[in-house]
C-alpha atoms as a PDB file:
ATOM      1  CA  MET A   1       0.000   0.000   0.000  1.00  0.00           C
ATOM      2  CA  ILE A   2       1.471   3.283  -1.185  1.00  0.00           C
ATOM      3  CA  ALA A   3       0.138   5.293   1.794  1.00  0.00           C
ATOM      4  CA  LEU A   4       2.134   3.408   4.432  1.00  0.00           C
ATOM      5  CA  PRO A   5       5.496   5.101   3.756  1.00  0.00           C
ATOM      6  CA  ALA A   6       3.725   8.475   3.914  1.00  0.00           C
ATOM      7  CA  CYS A   7       2.227   7.516   7.286  1.00  0.00           C
ATOM      8  CA  ALA A   8       5.637   6.327   8.474  1.00  0.00           C
ATOM      9  CA  CYS A   9       7.128   9.718   7.576  1.00  0.00           C
ATOM     10  CA  SER A  10       4.284  11.469   9.386  1.00  0.00           C
ATOM     11  CA  LEU A  11       4.741   9.299  12.480  1.00  0.00           C
ATOM     12  CA  THR A  12       8.491   9.980  12.428  1.00  0.00           C
ATOM     13  CA  ASP A  13       7.761  13.707  12.239  1.00  0.00           C
ATOM     14  CA  SER A  14       5.409  13.480  15.228  1.00  0.00           C
ATOM     15  CA  VAL A  15       7.810  11.393  17.304  1.00  0.00           C
ATOM     16  CA  SER A  16      10.655  13.835  16.611  1.00  0.00           C
ATOM     17  CA  THR A  17       8.318  16.701  17.538  1.00  0.00           C
ATOM     18  CA  LEU A  18       7.466  15.106  20.879  1.00  0.00           C
ATOM     19  CA  LEU A  19      11.073  14.160  21.629  1.00  0.00           C
ATOM     20  CA  GLY A  20      12.210  17.697  20.805  1.00  0.00           C
ATOM     21  CA  GLN A  21       9.916  19.419  23.292  1.00  0.00           C
ATOM     22  CA  PRO A  22      11.471  21.315  26.187  1.00  0.00           C
ATOM     23  CA  THR A  23      11.385  19.584  29.558  1.00  0.00           C
ATOM     24  CA  THR A  24       8.791  22.098  30.726  1.00  0.00           C
ATOM     25  CA  TYR A  25       6.350  20.749  28.114  1.00  0.00           C
ATOM     26  CA  TRP A  26       5.627  17.613  30.113  1.00  0.00           C
ATOM     27  CA  SER A  27       4.342  19.622  33.077  1.00  0.00           C
ATOM     28  CA  ASP A  28       2.969  22.554  31.043  1.00  0.00           C
ATOM     29  CA  PRO A  29       1.885  21.631  27.478  1.00  0.00           C
ATOM     30  CA  ALA A  30       1.423  25.314  26.614  1.00  0.00           C
ATOM     31  CA  THR A  31       5.224  25.547  26.312  1.00  0.00           C
ATOM     32  CA  GLY A  32       5.295  23.150  23.337  1.00  0.00           C
ATOM     33  CA  HIS A  33       6.847  24.111  19.994  1.00  0.00           C
ATOM     34  CA  GLU A  34       5.238  23.177  16.655  1.00  0.00           C
ATOM     35  CA  ASN A  35       5.147  25.144  13.381  1.00  0.00           C
ATOM     36  CA  ASN A  36       1.942  23.589  11.990  1.00  0.00           C
ATOM     37  CA  PRO A  37      -0.928  25.617  13.538  1.00  0.00           C
ATOM     38  CA  MET A  38      -3.370  22.686  13.699  1.00  0.00           C
ATOM     39  CA  PHE A  39      -0.882  20.370  15.344  1.00  0.00           C
ATOM     40  CA  ALA A  40       0.410  23.181  17.577  1.00  0.00           C
ATOM     41  CA  TRP A  41      -3.114  23.483  18.961  1.00  0.00           C
ATOM     42  CA  LEU A  42      -3.191  19.723  19.625  1.00  0.00           C
ATOM     43  CA  LEU A  43       0.317  19.790  21.110  1.00  0.00           C
ATOM     44  CA  HIS A  44      -0.716  22.569  23.491  1.00  0.00           C
ATOM     45  CA  ALA A  45      -3.791  20.563  24.480  1.00  0.00           C
ATOM     46  CA  GLY A  46      -1.478  17.782  25.638  1.00  0.00           C
ATOM     47  CA  PRO A  47       0.589  14.911  24.253  1.00  0.00           C
ATOM     48  CA  GLY A  48      -2.406  12.566  24.229  1.00  0.00           C
ATOM     49  CA  TRP A  49      -4.374  14.873  21.939  1.00  0.00           C
ATOM     50  CA  PHE A  50      -1.314  15.284  19.737  1.00  0.00           C
ATOM     51  CA  VAL A  51      -1.068  11.497  19.330  1.00  0.00           C
ATOM     52  CA  VAL A  52      -4.808  11.232  18.597  1.00  0.00           C
ATOM     53  CA  GLY A  53      -4.418  13.966  15.964  1.00  0.00           C
ATOM     54  CA  GLU A  54      -1.531  12.083  14.388  1.00  0.00           C
ATOM     55  CA  LEU A  55      -3.571   8.870  14.194  1.00  0.00           C
ATOM     56  CA  VAL A  56      -6.482  10.737  12.599  1.00  0.00           C
ATOM     57  CA  TRP A  57      -4.062  12.348  10.128  1.00  0.00           C
ATOM     58  CA  CYS A  58      -2.674   8.914   9.181  1.00  0.00           C
ATOM     59  CA  ALA A  59      -6.231   7.679   8.605  1.00  0.00           C
ATOM     60  CA  VAL A  60      -6.861  10.702   6.352  1.00  0.00           C
ATOM     61  CA  ILE A  61      -3.652  10.012   4.410  1.00  0.00           C
ATOM     62  CA  ILE A  62      -4.612   6.366   3.904  1.00  0.00           C
ATOM     63  CA  GLY A  63      -8.177   7.289   2.907  1.00  0.00           C
ATOM     64  CA  VAL A  64      -7.190   9.976   0.416  1.00  0.00           C
ATOM     65  CA  VAL A  65      -4.363   7.995  -1.169  1.00  0.00           C
ATOM     66  CA  THR A  66      -6.565   4.898  -1.434  1.00  0.00           C
ATOM     67  CA  MET A  67      -9.439   6.780  -3.074  1.00  0.00           C
ATOM     68  CA  LEU A  68      -7.375   8.707  -5.626  1.00  0.00           C
ATOM     69  CA  PRO A  69      -6.710   7.115  -8.995  1.00  0.00           C
ATOM     70  CA  GLY A  70      -3.245   5.962 -10.130  1.00  0.00           C
ATOM     71  CA  ILE A  71      -0.722   8.729 -10.487  1.00  0.00           C
ATOM     72  CA  LEU A  72      -2.622  11.155  -8.237  1.00  0.00           C
ATOM     73  CA  SER A  73      -2.380   8.759  -5.312  1.00  0.00           C
ATOM     74  CA  LEU A  74       1.345   8.415  -5.919  1.00  0.00           C
ATOM     75  CA  LEU A  75       1.808  12.194  -6.119  1.00  0.00           C
ATOM     76  CA  VAL A  76      -0.081  12.778  -2.870  1.00  0.00           C
ATOM     77  CA  ALA A  77       1.820  10.006  -1.080  1.00  0.00           C
ATOM     78  CA  VAL A  78       5.165  11.394  -2.264  1.00  0.00           C
ATOM     79  CA  ALA A  79       4.205  14.972  -1.354  1.00  0.00           C
ATOM     80  CA  VAL A  80       3.131  13.922   2.149  1.00  0.00           C
ATOM     81  CA  SER A  81       6.329  11.902   2.552  1.00  0.00           C
ATOM     82  CA  ILE A  82       8.539  14.802   1.463  1.00  0.00           C
ATOM     83  CA  GLY A  83       6.684  17.284   3.662  1.00  0.00           C
ATOM     84  CA  HIS A  84       6.888  15.147   6.774  1.00  0.00           C
ATOM     85  CA  THR A  85      10.499  14.169   6.118  1.00  0.00           C
ATOM     86  CA  TYR A  86      11.345  17.875   6.018  1.00  0.00           C
ATOM     87  CA  GLY A  87       9.273  18.384   9.173  1.00  0.00           C
ATOM     88  CA  ALA A  88      11.089  15.589  10.979  1.00  0.00           C
ATOM     89  CA  LEU A  89      14.463  17.083  10.059  1.00  0.00           C
ATOM     90  CA  THR A  90      13.670  20.613  11.225  1.00  0.00           C
END
């Protein structure tokens, strides 16, 4: 399934985001750092909500890539993979 590498990149991005939080984040989630506004909101709500948001995002990736025809599904999967690889590295 072409969407799985994209989800793996997204999960890697999220794990690196959580591991890169300041130590104060774990007692005060409002101190979290995330550049994506939607995920910043989830990160500030707490790590549990951030993980739930990531799982929902992976479900969306799988759904969209599965429903798109041929080359479009490949393009979306590659774009998501590139975007989250960049996110994981920054």
